[in-house]
Amino acid sequence: MSFELDTLHHAITWLLKPVIAILALSVIIAVLEAGLAMGERLFGLRAMRDSGNADAVVKLARHRLERADLLGRIPPMLGLMATIIPLGPGLAALGQGDPAQLAQAVTTAFDATVLGLIAGIIGLVIGKLRRRWYEDVLEVLEAQP
């Protein structure tokens, strides 16, 4: 039983670095997505309205909203995962009289939480704004003869 638990513990601990790397990448993607949304707001929406092609707008909107929704949901979950993973070894170290390792684990946990929340917040805001923008464009297109 102890061997299986040790194996499970090592496998889960191994996940920490890839999850943190994905979180950092998520923040970069969120910033890029925010830039794309600003360009879309300044230039793209007008071009969509002028095109008169509601089907193309719906297809593009679906794709971009799905991307924003994923960005709003997955990084916070990964942030929680990267919060919990280091706390196990940190608490075990505290039980063995090593508070410095617990402090390091808690720091890692909080940093991971912040990364996940930053990317998630950006994704949620972009998704909400885009929904409103695309609805406005589609209303204009549907009102045209």
Protein backbone atom coordinates (compact mmCIF):
# COMPACT_ATOMS: atom_id res chain seq x y z
CA MET A 1 0.00 0.00 0.00
CA SER A 2 2.80 2.43 0.86
CA PHE A 3 4.51 1.78 -2.50
CA GLU A 4 1.33 2.68 -4.40
CA LEU A 5 0.85 5.86 -2.38
CA ASP A 6 4.47 6.88 -2.90
CA THR A 7 4.12 6.25 -6.64
CA LEU A 8 0.91 8.28 -6.77
CA HIS A 9 2.52 11.08 -4.77
CA HIS A 10 5.54 11.24 -7.10
CA ALA A 11 3.32 11.20 -10.19
CA ILE A 12 1.20 14.06 -8.87
CA THR A 13 4.25 16.03 -7.73
CA TRP A 14 5.70 15.62 -11.24
CA LEU A 15 2.65 17.47 -12.62
CA LEU A 16 3.51 20.72 -10.83
CA LYS A 17 6.12 22.03 -13.29
CA PRO A 18 4.07 21.33 -16.45
CA VAL A 19 0.98 22.88 -14.86
CA ILE A 20 2.90 26.03 -13.89
CA ALA A 21 4.35 26.22 -17.42
CA ILE A 22 0.83 25.94 -18.87
CA LEU A 23 -0.36 28.65 -16.49
CA ALA A 24 2.43 30.99 -17.59
CA LEU A 25 1.57 30.24 -21.22
CA SER A 26 -2.11 30.90 -20.44
CA VAL A 27 -1.28 34.37 -19.14
CA ILE A 28 0.69 35.10 -22.32
CA ILE A 29 -2.20 33.83 -24.46
CA ALA A 30 -4.65 35.92 -22.42
CA VAL A 31 -2.62 39.08 -23.00
CA LEU A 32 -2.38 38.31 -26.73
CA GLU A 33 -6.11 37.58 -26.83
CA ALA A 34 -6.79 40.92 -25.12
CA GLY A 35 -4.74 42.67 -27.81
CA LEU A 36 -6.65 40.82 -30.52
CA ALA A 37 -9.94 41.83 -28.90
CA MET A 38 -8.90 45.49 -28.85
CA GLY A 39 -7.97 45.35 -32.52
CA GLU A 40 -11.24 43.62 -33.20
CA ARG A 41 -13.15 46.33 -31.35
CA LEU A 42 -11.32 49.16 -33.12
CA PHE A 43 -11.28 47.76 -36.66
CA GLY A 44 -12.76 44.29 -37.03
CA LEU A 45 -16.33 44.90 -35.96
CA ARG A 46 -16.78 47.68 -38.48
CA ALA A 47 -15.47 45.41 -41.23
CA MET A 48 -17.87 42.66 -40.09
CA ARG A 49 -20.84 45.05 -40.24
CA ASP A 50 -19.77 46.31 -43.64
CA SER A 51 -19.37 42.79 -45.03
CA GLY A 52 -23.08 42.06 -44.61
CA ASN A 53 -22.29 38.36 -44.11
CA ALA A 54 -24.08 37.28 -40.94
CA ASP A 55 -23.07 33.63 -41.37
CA ALA A 56 -19.38 34.54 -41.41
CA VAL A 57 -19.85 36.70 -38.31
CA VAL A 58 -21.61 33.87 -36.47
CA LYS A 59 -18.87 31.40 -37.40
CA LEU A 60 -16.09 33.77 -36.32
CA ALA A 61 -17.96 34.71 -33.13
CA ARG A 62 -18.48 31.08 -32.18
CA HIS A 63 -14.77 30.34 -32.62
CA ARG A 64 -13.53 33.37 -30.71
CA LEU A 65 -16.08 33.06 -27.91
CA GLU A 66 -15.19 29.42 -27.42
CA ARG A 67 -11.52 30.37 -27.11
CA ALA A 68 -12.33 33.09 -24.56
CA ASP A 69 -14.57 30.70 -22.61
CA LEU A 70 -11.80 28.10 -22.41
CA LEU A 71 -9.39 30.79 -21.28
CA GLY A 72 -11.86 31.88 -18.62
CA ARG A 73 -12.35 28.36 -17.24
CA ILE A 74 -9.24 26.22 -17.61
CA PRO A 75 -6.48 28.43 -16.11
CA PRO A 76 -8.33 28.91 -12.79
CA MET A 77 -8.76 25.13 -12.52
CA LEU A 78 -5.07 24.62 -13.28
CA GLY A 79 -4.24 27.33 -10.75
CA LEU A 80 -6.16 25.42 -8.11
CA MET A 81 -4.38 22.23 -9.10
CA ALA A 82 -1.00 23.95 -8.83
CA THR A 83 -2.07 25.36 -5.47
CA ILE A 84 -2.86 21.98 -3.98
CA ILE A 85 0.08 19.97 -5.37
CA PRO A 86 2.89 21.67 -3.40
CA LEU A 87 0.92 21.88 -0.18
CA GLY A 88 1.10 18.12 0.45
CA PRO A 89 4.90 17.99 0.57
CA GLY A 90 4.96 21.33 2.39
CA LEU A 91 2.72 20.07 5.17
CA ALA A 92 4.72 16.83 5.38
CA ALA A 93 7.90 18.91 5.75
CA LEU A 94 6.29 20.91 8.53
CA GLY A 95 5.52 17.64 10.29
CA GLN A 96 9.23 16.81 10.06
CA GLY A 97 10.23 20.19 11.50
CA ASP A 98 11.09 22.02 8.25
CA PRO A 99 8.97 25.20 8.12
CA ALA A 100 11.16 26.66 5.34
CA GLN A 101 9.93 24.00 2.90
CA LEU A 102 6.34 24.76 3.88
CA ALA A 103 6.98 28.46 3.25
CA GLN A 104 8.34 27.65 -0.21
CA ALA A 105 5.35 25.41 -0.95
CA VAL A 106 2.87 28.08 0.12
CA THR A 107 4.66 30.70 -2.01
CA THR A 108 4.49 28.40 -5.04
CA ALA A 109 0.85 27.67 -4.33
CA PHE A 110 -0.12 31.35 -4.13
CA ASP A 111 1.88 32.26 -7.24
CA ALA A 112 0.10 29.52 -9.20
CA THR A 113 -3.27 30.72 -7.96
CA VAL A 114 -2.53 34.26 -9.10
CA LEU A 115 -1.44 33.10 -12.57
CA GLY A 116 -4.63 31.08 -13.00
CA LEU A 117 -6.82 33.93 -11.85
CA ILE A 118 -5.13 36.51 -14.07
CA ALA A 119 -5.63 34.41 -17.20
CA GLY A 120 -9.16 33.46 -16.14
CA ILE A 121 -10.24 37.03 -15.44
CA ILE A 122 -8.91 38.23 -18.78
CA GLY A 123 -10.71 35.36 -20.53
CA LEU A 124 -14.01 36.10 -18.78
CA VAL A 125 -13.85 39.82 -19.54
CA ILE A 126 -12.99 39.22 -23.19
CA GLY A 127 -15.79 36.68 -23.51
CA LYS A 128 -18.39 39.03 -22.02
CA LEU A 129 -17.29 41.97 -24.18
CA ARG A 130 -17.18 39.88 -27.36
CA ARG A 131 -20.65 38.48 -26.76
CA ARG A 132 -22.03 41.99 -26.57
CA TRP A 133 -20.04 43.17 -29.59
CA TYR A 134 -21.10 40.26 -31.79
CA GLU A 135 -24.74 40.59 -30.73
CA ASP A 136 -24.64 44.25 -31.74
CA VAL A 137 -23.10 43.42 -35.12
CA LEU A 138 -25.65 40.69 -35.76
CA GLU A 139 -28.54 43.00 -34.85
CA VAL A 140 -27.30 45.53 -37.39
CA LEU A 141 -26.89 42.84 -40.04
CA GLU A 142 -30.35 41.41 -39.40
CA ALA A 143 -31.92 44.87 -39.62
CA GLN A 144 -30.44 45.41 -43.09
CA PRO A 145 -32.74 44.61 -46.01
